[in-house]
Amino acid sequence: MIGFSDNIERLTEENDNFRKVLYTGQNIQLVLMALQPGEEIGEEIHDDRDQFFRFEKGKGEVWIDDVANPVKGGDGVIVPAGAKHNFINTGSEPLRLYTIYGPPEHVEGTVHKTKAEADASHEHFDGRTTE
């Protein structure tokens, strides 16, 4: 097994895709995201997974169970399983972040260039891992 080792800050700051899966294990997944100005992830609830988010660049709002918190580069957020949440880019530049969660949500290697592309996709983790 190789696992994952790289400069996550650089990879996050260079990512222009709405969503890009970097690593998928049996129990965890690492995903890069970039939200354009005014864009949001969209309100969602994951009953079966906790999520960690690290914001590298930009600014925005994180809504967890109808409570808003401002975020900026350098901030981290944990969303517990079962919490309603949404992230909104309130700045004038892309909001760049990565998220780690388990179990995996997306098919290994998934890249959605835009939110519209992500919304149109109905893929879900199929048991295939990075290694």
Protein backbone atom coordinates (compact mmCIF):
# COMPACT_ATOMS: atom_id res chain seq x y z
CA MET A 1 0.00 0.00 0.00
CA ILE A 2 1.21 3.47 -0.86
CA GLY A 3 -1.45 5.72 0.72
CA PHE A 4 -1.34 9.43 -0.08
CA SER A 5 1.53 11.85 0.44
CA ASP A 6 1.79 15.22 -1.28
CA ASN A 7 1.64 18.96 -0.60
CA ILE A 8 -2.11 19.26 0.04
CA GLU A 9 -1.96 23.06 0.39
CA ARG A 10 -0.36 23.45 -3.06
CA LEU A 11 -2.73 20.95 -4.67
CA THR A 12 -5.74 22.73 -3.15
CA GLU A 13 -4.58 26.18 -4.19
CA GLU A 14 -3.91 24.98 -7.77
CA ASN A 15 -7.24 23.17 -8.15
CA ASP A 16 -9.80 24.85 -10.43
CA ASN A 17 -12.32 21.97 -10.44
CA PHE A 18 -15.54 22.12 -8.46
CA ARG A 19 -14.69 18.61 -7.22
CA LYS A 20 -11.65 16.39 -7.68
CA VAL A 21 -11.18 13.10 -5.82
CA LEU A 22 -7.50 12.69 -4.87
CA TYR A 23 -7.56 9.50 -2.83
CA THR A 24 -10.10 6.83 -2.00
CA GLY A 25 -9.60 4.20 0.68
CA GLN A 26 -12.08 1.65 1.98
CA ASN A 27 -13.06 3.97 4.85
CA ILE A 28 -11.95 7.48 3.88
CA GLN A 29 -11.83 9.84 0.91
CA LEU A 30 -9.83 13.01 0.16
CA VAL A 31 -11.47 15.53 -2.20
CA LEU A 32 -10.40 18.96 -3.48
CA MET A 33 -13.03 21.62 -4.19
CA ALA A 34 -13.12 25.13 -5.67
CA LEU A 35 -16.26 27.25 -5.43
CA GLN A 36 -16.48 30.25 -7.72
CA PRO A 37 -17.67 33.65 -6.38
CA GLY A 38 -21.32 33.37 -5.35
CA GLU A 39 -21.30 29.58 -5.78
CA GLU A 40 -22.33 27.12 -3.09
CA ILE A 41 -22.03 23.40 -2.50
CA GLY A 42 -25.77 23.14 -1.96
CA GLU A 43 -27.59 22.17 1.21
CA GLU A 44 -27.08 18.52 2.09
CA ILE A 45 -27.17 16.02 4.94
CA HIS A 46 -24.97 12.93 5.25
CA ASP A 47 -26.42 10.64 7.90
CA ASP A 48 -23.54 8.18 7.69
CA ARG A 49 -20.39 10.33 7.64
CA ASP A 50 -18.56 13.02 9.54
CA GLN A 51 -16.68 15.51 7.36
CA PHE A 52 -13.60 17.66 7.89
CA PHE A 53 -13.07 20.73 5.69
CA ARG A 54 -9.90 22.82 5.41
CA PHE A 55 -10.11 26.17 3.61
CA GLU A 56 -6.89 27.28 1.94
CA LYS A 57 -7.90 30.43 0.00
CA GLY A 58 -10.86 32.74 -0.32
CA LYS A 59 -13.70 33.53 2.04
CA GLY A 60 -17.19 32.30 2.56
CA GLU A 61 -19.89 31.11 4.94
CA VAL A 62 -20.42 27.66 6.36
CA TRP A 63 -23.99 26.88 7.39
CA ILE A 64 -24.46 24.02 9.84
CA ASP A 65 -28.01 23.34 11.05
CA ASP A 66 -29.11 26.89 10.10
CA VAL A 67 -26.20 28.62 11.88
CA ALA A 68 -23.79 30.64 9.71
CA ASN A 69 -20.07 30.88 10.40
CA PRO A 70 -17.62 32.93 8.34
CA VAL A 71 -14.60 31.05 6.92
CA LYS A 72 -11.37 32.09 5.23
CA GLY A 73 -8.07 30.55 4.20
CA GLY A 74 -6.52 28.71 7.14
CA ASP A 75 -9.84 27.74 8.76
CA GLY A 76 -11.03 24.22 9.43
CA VAL A 77 -14.58 22.98 9.94
CA ILE A 78 -16.04 19.67 11.07
CA VAL A 79 -19.59 18.78 10.06
CA PRO A 80 -20.96 15.91 12.14
CA ALA A 81 -23.00 13.14 10.57
CA GLY A 82 -26.67 14.11 10.33
CA ALA A 83 -26.06 17.88 10.29
CA LYS A 84 -27.64 19.94 7.50
CA HIS A 85 -24.87 21.98 5.90
CA ASN A 86 -23.95 24.25 3.01
CA PHE A 87 -20.85 26.27 2.05
CA ILE A 88 -21.15 29.52 0.12
CA ASN A 89 -18.37 31.53 -1.50
CA THR A 90 -19.00 35.15 -0.41
CA GLY A 91 -15.72 36.48 -1.80
CA SER A 92 -14.51 37.76 -5.15
CA GLU A 93 -12.07 34.89 -5.80
CA PRO A 94 -12.49 31.11 -5.74
CA LEU A 95 -12.97 29.51 -2.32
CA ARG A 96 -10.46 26.65 -2.34
CA LEU A 97 -10.74 23.79 0.12
CA TYR A 98 -10.28 20.11 0.69
CA THR A 99 -12.47 17.70 2.56
CA ILE A 100 -11.83 14.36 4.21
CA TYR A 101 -14.69 12.05 5.06
CA GLY A 102 -15.55 8.47 5.65
CA PRO A 103 -16.98 6.38 4.30
CA PRO A 104 -16.18 7.48 0.72
CA GLU A 105 -18.93 9.27 -1.19
CA HIS A 106 -17.66 9.48 -4.79
CA VAL A 107 -16.31 7.10 -7.41
CA GLU A 108 -12.50 6.96 -7.33
CA GLY A 109 -10.98 9.43 -9.80
CA THR A 110 -14.10 11.60 -10.08
CA VAL A 111 -13.49 15.09 -11.51
CA HIS A 112 -16.37 17.55 -11.88
CA LYS A 113 -15.11 20.72 -13.53
CA THR A 114 -18.23 22.70 -12.59
CA LYS A 115 -21.06 22.55 -10.08
CA ALA A 116 -23.50 21.99 -12.96
CA GLU A 117 -21.49 18.94 -14.02
CA ALA A 118 -21.52 17.67 -10.41
CA ASP A 119 -25.28 18.24 -10.10
CA ALA A 120 -25.91 16.29 -13.32
CA SER A 121 -23.81 13.34 -12.12
CA HIS A 122 -25.40 10.58 -10.13
CA GLU A 123 -22.25 8.63 -9.33
CA HIS A 124 -21.68 7.18 -5.86
CA PHE A 125 -18.80 5.23 -4.36
CA ASP A 126 -18.74 1.78 -5.94
CA GLY A 127 -16.19 0.07 -3.68
CA ARG A 128 -13.24 0.77 -5.98
CA THR A 129 -10.29 2.35 -4.15
CA THR A 130 -7.15 4.19 -5.27
CA GLU A 131 -4.96 1.17 -4.61
